[in-house]
Amino acid sequence: QQIISQAQTHRLVVRLKGGDPMLFGRADEEIRALEAAGISYEIVPGITTALAAAASVRQPLTKRGVARSVALFTSSTAPGEVADTRIPECDTLVQYMGGREAMLTANRMLAAGHPETHPVVVIENCSRADEAITHMTLQDLAQGLHTSSGPVLVMMGEAMRQRRT
């Protein structure tokens, strides 16, 4: 509603979103609303947080002989939606908005037979001055995360195993 109202009042309106607006945002709802109102728009792609985080922590999401596939997922739902508790089958998993949900995901993965030592990297406030990076295991994650003050991305899989320096 706010975008439509502003677009009807001003010649140019920018809706700026961190990351890629086409992934885990409200792009579908916003596009439908703009089209229904007859308002033209342009979408400028961004760099999705998973790729920015991997670069920031210098941890590739794929590695030859270790990880050939990546799944980006979220457990967050819209009000009234039923939560999808399935874990994607993939070499590297990247959970968006993982702060509150990551512990549940870790417990589901452990129950499905993933090893306790499965590597995990947690990135809070990716690409910000207060970015925080934590390396842990799936068992650690199953115990929960510290209280976070910003968005949390959780990367899980053998590709996340720390390199020996």
C-alpha atoms as a PDB file:
ATOM      1  CA  GLN A   1       0.000   0.000   0.000  1.00  0.00           C
ATOM      2  CA  GLN A   2       2.813   2.390   0.889  1.00  0.00           C
ATOM      3  CA  ILE A   3       4.641   1.784  -2.401  1.00  0.00           C
ATOM      4  CA  ILE A   4       1.464   2.366  -4.417  1.00  0.00           C
ATOM      5  CA  SER A   5       0.593   5.501  -2.453  1.00  0.00           C
ATOM      6  CA  GLN A   6       4.087   6.934  -2.941  1.00  0.00           C
ATOM      7  CA  ALA A   7       4.136   5.988  -6.657  1.00  0.00           C
ATOM      8  CA  GLN A   8       0.846   7.819  -7.193  1.00  0.00           C
ATOM      9  CA  THR A   9       2.295  10.911  -5.501  1.00  0.00           C
ATOM     10  CA  HIS A  10       5.907  11.001  -6.721  1.00  0.00           C
ATOM     11  CA  ARG A  11       7.539  10.606 -10.122  1.00  0.00           C
ATOM     12  CA  LEU A  12      10.205   8.181  -8.869  1.00  0.00           C
ATOM     13  CA  VAL A  13      10.025   5.813  -5.915  1.00  0.00           C
ATOM     14  CA  VAL A  14      12.783   3.439  -4.850  1.00  0.00           C
ATOM     15  CA  ARG A  15      12.029   0.400  -2.717  1.00  0.00           C
ATOM     16  CA  LEU A  16      15.472  -0.619  -1.498  1.00  0.00           C
ATOM     17  CA  LYS A  17      15.954  -4.102  -0.094  1.00  0.00           C
ATOM     18  CA  GLY A  18      19.133  -5.634   1.246  1.00  0.00           C
ATOM     19  CA  GLY A  19      20.166  -8.698  -0.753  1.00  0.00           C
ATOM     20  CA  ASP A  20      18.289  -9.849  -3.828  1.00  0.00           C
ATOM     21  CA  PRO A  21      14.689  -8.592  -3.970  1.00  0.00           C
ATOM     22  CA  MET A  22      13.556 -11.770  -5.754  1.00  0.00           C
ATOM     23  CA  LEU A  23      14.557 -14.130  -2.940  1.00  0.00           C
ATOM     24  CA  PHE A  24      12.715 -14.444   0.389  1.00  0.00           C
ATOM     25  CA  GLY A  25      11.222 -10.994   0.197  1.00  0.00           C
ATOM     26  CA  ARG A  26       7.834  -9.647  -0.652  1.00  0.00           C
ATOM     27  CA  ALA A  27       8.565  -9.293  -4.366  1.00  0.00           C
ATOM     28  CA  ASP A  28       5.577 -11.327  -5.519  1.00  0.00           C
ATOM     29  CA  GLU A  29       3.099  -9.359  -3.430  1.00  0.00           C
ATOM     30  CA  GLU A  30       4.652  -6.022  -4.406  1.00  0.00           C
ATOM     31  CA  ILE A  31       4.788  -6.872  -8.125  1.00  0.00           C
ATOM     32  CA  ARG A  32       1.154  -8.017  -8.137  1.00  0.00           C
ATOM     33  CA  ALA A  33       0.036  -4.855  -6.327  1.00  0.00           C
ATOM     34  CA  LEU A  34       1.948  -2.550  -8.687  1.00  0.00           C
ATOM     35  CA  GLU A  35       0.603  -4.343 -11.761  1.00  0.00           C
ATOM     36  CA  ALA A  36      -2.962  -4.253 -10.421  1.00  0.00           C
ATOM     37  CA  ALA A  37      -2.577  -0.496  -9.882  1.00  0.00           C
ATOM     38  CA  GLY A  38      -1.156  -0.008 -13.399  1.00  0.00           C
ATOM     39  CA  ILE A  39       2.155   1.302 -12.078  1.00  0.00           C
ATOM     40  CA  SER A  40       5.278   0.570 -14.120  1.00  0.00           C
ATOM     41  CA  TYR A  41       8.352  -0.596 -12.231  1.00  0.00           C
ATOM     42  CA  GLU A  42      11.904  -1.835 -12.676  1.00  0.00           C
ATOM     43  CA  ILE A  43      13.618  -4.500 -10.611  1.00  0.00           C
ATOM     44  CA  VAL A  44      17.331  -4.079 -10.023  1.00  0.00           C
ATOM     45  CA  PRO A  45      18.852  -7.377  -8.833  1.00  0.00           C
ATOM     46  CA  GLY A  46      21.092  -7.491  -5.813  1.00  0.00           C
ATOM     47  CA  ILE A  47      23.552 -10.013  -4.491  1.00  0.00           C
ATOM     48  CA  THR A  48      21.734 -12.576  -2.414  1.00  0.00           C
ATOM     49  CA  THR A  49      22.877 -12.850   1.184  1.00  0.00           C
ATOM     50  CA  ALA A  50      24.036 -16.464   0.789  1.00  0.00           C
ATOM     51  CA  LEU A  51      26.637 -15.424  -1.783  1.00  0.00           C
ATOM     52  CA  ALA A  52      27.653 -12.305   0.125  1.00  0.00           C
ATOM     53  CA  ALA A  53      28.048 -14.328   3.320  1.00  0.00           C
ATOM     54  CA  ALA A  54      30.094 -17.058   1.640  1.00  0.00           C
ATOM     55  CA  ALA A  55      32.451 -14.410   0.250  1.00  0.00           C
ATOM     56  CA  SER A  56      32.625 -12.597   3.579  1.00  0.00           C
ATOM     57  CA  VAL A  57      33.618 -15.710   5.520  1.00  0.00           C
ATOM     58  CA  ARG A  58      35.807 -16.954   2.638  1.00  0.00           C
ATOM     59  CA  GLN A  59      33.963 -20.248   2.654  1.00  0.00           C
ATOM     60  CA  PRO A  60      32.769 -21.520  -0.759  1.00  0.00           C
ATOM     61  CA  LEU A  61      29.317 -23.088  -0.820  1.00  0.00           C
ATOM     62  CA  THR A  62      30.528 -25.741  -3.269  1.00  0.00           C
ATOM     63  CA  LYS A  63      33.826 -27.628  -3.445  1.00  0.00           C
ATOM     64  CA  ARG A  64      35.061 -30.215  -5.921  1.00  0.00           C
ATOM     65  CA  GLY A  65      34.598 -33.713  -4.571  1.00  0.00           C
ATOM     66  CA  VAL A  66      32.761 -32.413  -1.480  1.00  0.00           C
ATOM     67  CA  ALA A  67      29.696 -30.352  -2.399  1.00  0.00           C
ATOM     68  CA  ARG A  68      28.049 -30.053  -5.795  1.00  0.00           C
ATOM     69  CA  SER A  69      24.675 -28.623  -4.819  1.00  0.00           C
ATOM     70  CA  VAL A  70      23.289 -25.786  -2.710  1.00  0.00           C
ATOM     71  CA  ALA A  71      19.764 -25.255  -1.379  1.00  0.00           C
ATOM     72  CA  LEU A  72      18.575 -21.886  -0.101  1.00  0.00           C
ATOM     73  CA  PHE A  73      15.601 -22.186   2.230  1.00  0.00           C
ATOM     74  CA  THR A  74      13.699 -20.476   4.992  1.00  0.00           C
ATOM     75  CA  SER A  75      11.466 -21.806   7.715  1.00  0.00           C
ATOM     76  CA  SER A  76       9.790 -18.440   8.179  1.00  0.00           C
ATOM     77  CA  THR A  77       6.166 -18.298   7.148  1.00  0.00           C
ATOM     78  CA  ALA A  78       3.583 -15.627   6.560  1.00  0.00           C
ATOM     79  CA  PRO A  79       0.877 -15.167   9.181  1.00  0.00           C
ATOM     80  CA  GLY A  80      -1.595 -18.021   8.896  1.00  0.00           C
ATOM     81  CA  GLU A  81       0.744 -20.261   6.872  1.00  0.00           C
ATOM     82  CA  VAL A  82       1.595 -23.753   8.073  1.00  0.00           C
ATOM     83  CA  ALA A  83       5.340 -24.188   8.639  1.00  0.00           C
ATOM     84  CA  ASP A  84       7.123 -26.519   6.216  1.00  0.00           C
ATOM     85  CA  THR A  85       9.453 -28.664   8.321  1.00  0.00           C
ATOM     86  CA  ARG A  86      11.093 -30.560   5.451  1.00  0.00           C
ATOM     87  CA  ILE A  87      14.854 -30.172   5.110  1.00  0.00           C
ATOM     88  CA  PRO A  88      16.040 -29.900   1.485  1.00  0.00           C
ATOM     89  CA  GLU A  89      18.210 -32.768   0.229  1.00  0.00           C
ATOM     90  CA  CYS A  90      21.413 -31.050  -0.791  1.00  0.00           C
ATOM     91  CA  ASP A  91      25.168 -30.930  -0.111  1.00  0.00           C
ATOM     92  CA  THR A  92      25.171 -27.392   1.309  1.00  0.00           C
ATOM     93  CA  LEU A  93      22.142 -25.904   3.040  1.00  0.00           C
ATOM     94  CA  VAL A  94      21.727 -22.189   3.585  1.00  0.00           C
ATOM     95  CA  GLN A  95      18.935 -21.211   5.953  1.00  0.00           C
ATOM     96  CA  TYR A  96      17.749 -17.625   5.662  1.00  0.00           C
ATOM     97  CA  MET A  97      16.224 -15.936   8.689  1.00  0.00           C
ATOM     98  CA  GLY A  98      17.675 -18.784  10.685  1.00  0.00           C
ATOM     99  CA  GLY A  99      17.921 -17.157  14.090  1.00  0.00           C
ATOM    100  CA  ARG A 100      14.897 -18.703  15.776  1.00  0.00           C
ATOM    101  CA  GLU A 101      14.470 -21.631  13.404  1.00  0.00           C
ATOM    102  CA  ALA A 102      18.058 -22.901  13.135  1.00  0.00           C
ATOM    103  CA  MET A 103      17.909 -24.929  16.348  1.00  0.00           C
ATOM    104  CA  LEU A 104      14.792 -26.766  15.118  1.00  0.00           C
ATOM    105  CA  THR A 105      16.446 -27.402  11.748  1.00  0.00           C
ATOM    106  CA  ALA A 106      19.556 -28.803  13.463  1.00  0.00           C
ATOM    107  CA  ASN A 107      17.448 -31.133  15.607  1.00  0.00           C
ATOM    108  CA  ARG A 108      15.529 -32.354  12.548  1.00  0.00           C
ATOM    109  CA  MET A 109      18.812 -32.971  10.714  1.00  0.00           C
ATOM    110  CA  LEU A 110      20.245 -34.915  13.654  1.00  0.00           C
ATOM    111  CA  ALA A 111      17.059 -36.989  13.855  1.00  0.00           C
ATOM    112  CA  ALA A 112      17.400 -37.695  10.111  1.00  0.00           C
ATOM    113  CA  GLY A 113      20.885 -39.118  10.669  1.00  0.00           C
ATOM    114  CA  HIS A 114      23.206 -36.220   9.910  1.00  0.00           C
ATOM    115  CA  PRO A 115      26.381 -36.483  12.018  1.00  0.00           C
ATOM    116  CA  GLU A 116      26.752 -34.348  15.142  1.00  0.00           C
ATOM    117  CA  THR A 117      30.050 -33.025  13.733  1.00  0.00           C
ATOM    118  CA  HIS A 118      28.379 -31.708  10.547  1.00  0.00           C
ATOM    119  CA  PRO A 119      29.993 -28.268  10.014  1.00  0.00           C
ATOM    120  CA  VAL A 120      27.933 -25.098  10.444  1.00  0.00           C
ATOM    121  CA  VAL A 121      28.773 -21.434   9.912  1.00  0.00           C
ATOM    122  CA  VAL A 122      26.445 -18.799  11.365  1.00  0.00           C
ATOM    123  CA  ILE A 123      26.649 -15.256   9.994  1.00  0.00           C
ATOM    124  CA  GLU A 124      24.832 -12.477  11.785  1.00  0.00           C
ATOM    125  CA  ASN A 125      24.467  -9.040  10.188  1.00  0.00           C
ATOM    126  CA  CYS A 126      26.151 -10.123   6.946  1.00  0.00           C
ATOM    127  CA  SER A 127      28.104  -7.360   5.189  1.00  0.00           C
ATOM    128  CA  ARG A 128      27.556  -4.870   8.004  1.00  0.00           C
ATOM    129  CA  ALA A 129      30.144  -3.310  10.268  1.00  0.00           C
ATOM    130  CA  ASP A 130      28.877  -5.468  13.158  1.00  0.00           C
ATOM    131  CA  GLU A 131      28.998  -8.747  11.218  1.00  0.00           C
ATOM    132  CA  ALA A 132      29.607 -11.751  13.472  1.00  0.00           C
ATOM    133  CA  ILE A 133      30.791 -15.166  12.266  1.00  0.00           C
ATOM    134  CA  THR A 134      30.552 -18.337  14.356  1.00  0.00           C
ATOM    135  CA  HIS A 135      31.879 -21.766  13.337  1.00  0.00           C
ATOM    136  CA  MET A 136      30.185 -24.671  15.084  1.00  0.00           C
ATOM    137  CA  THR A 137      28.781 -28.163  14.588  1.00  0.00           C
ATOM    138  CA  LEU A 138      25.244 -29.352  14.044  1.00  0.00           C
ATOM    139  CA  GLN A 139      25.207 -30.594  17.655  1.00  0.00           C
ATOM    140  CA  ASP A 140      26.192 -27.097  18.854  1.00  0.00           C
ATOM    141  CA  LEU A 141      23.465 -25.536  16.731  1.00  0.00           C
ATOM    142  CA  ALA A 142      20.906 -27.986  18.135  1.00  0.00           C
ATOM    143  CA  GLN A 143      21.578 -26.405  21.546  1.00  0.00           C
ATOM    144  CA  GLY A 144      20.572 -22.989  20.186  1.00  0.00           C
ATOM    145  CA  LEU A 145      22.186 -19.712  19.231  1.00  0.00           C
ATOM    146  CA  HIS A 146      23.070 -16.757  21.381  1.00  0.00           C
ATOM    147  CA  THR A 147      20.544 -13.947  21.271  1.00  0.00           C
ATOM    148  CA  SER A 148      21.017 -12.164  17.979  1.00  0.00           C
ATOM    149  CA  SER A 149      20.540  -8.474  17.295  1.00  0.00           C
ATOM    150  CA  GLY A 150      20.155  -8.757  13.535  1.00  0.00           C
ATOM    151  CA  PRO A 151      19.449 -11.049  10.611  1.00  0.00           C
ATOM    152  CA  VAL A 152      21.027 -14.510  10.826  1.00  0.00           C
ATOM    153  CA  LEU A 153      22.081 -16.783   7.972  1.00  0.00           C
ATOM    154  CA  VAL A 154      23.079 -20.391   8.714  1.00  0.00           C
ATOM    155  CA  MET A 155      25.263 -22.346   6.261  1.00  0.00           C
ATOM    156  CA  MET A 156      25.509 -26.126   6.827  1.00  0.00           C
ATOM    157  CA  GLY A 157      27.474 -28.853   5.087  1.00  0.00           C
ATOM    158  CA  GLU A 158      30.923 -30.361   4.514  1.00  0.00           C
ATOM    159  CA  ALA A 159      31.910 -27.380   2.372  1.00  0.00           C
ATOM    160  CA  MET A 160      31.743 -25.356   5.612  1.00  0.00           C
ATOM    161  CA  ARG A 161      34.458 -27.391   7.302  1.00  0.00           C
ATOM    162  CA  GLN A 162      37.199 -24.968   8.344  1.00  0.00           C
ATOM    163  CA  ARG A 163      40.358 -25.087   6.299  1.00  0.00           C
ATOM    164  CA  ARG A 164      43.559 -25.849   8.160  1.00  0.00           C
ATOM    165  CA  THR A 165      45.961 -22.946   7.862  1.00  0.00           C
END
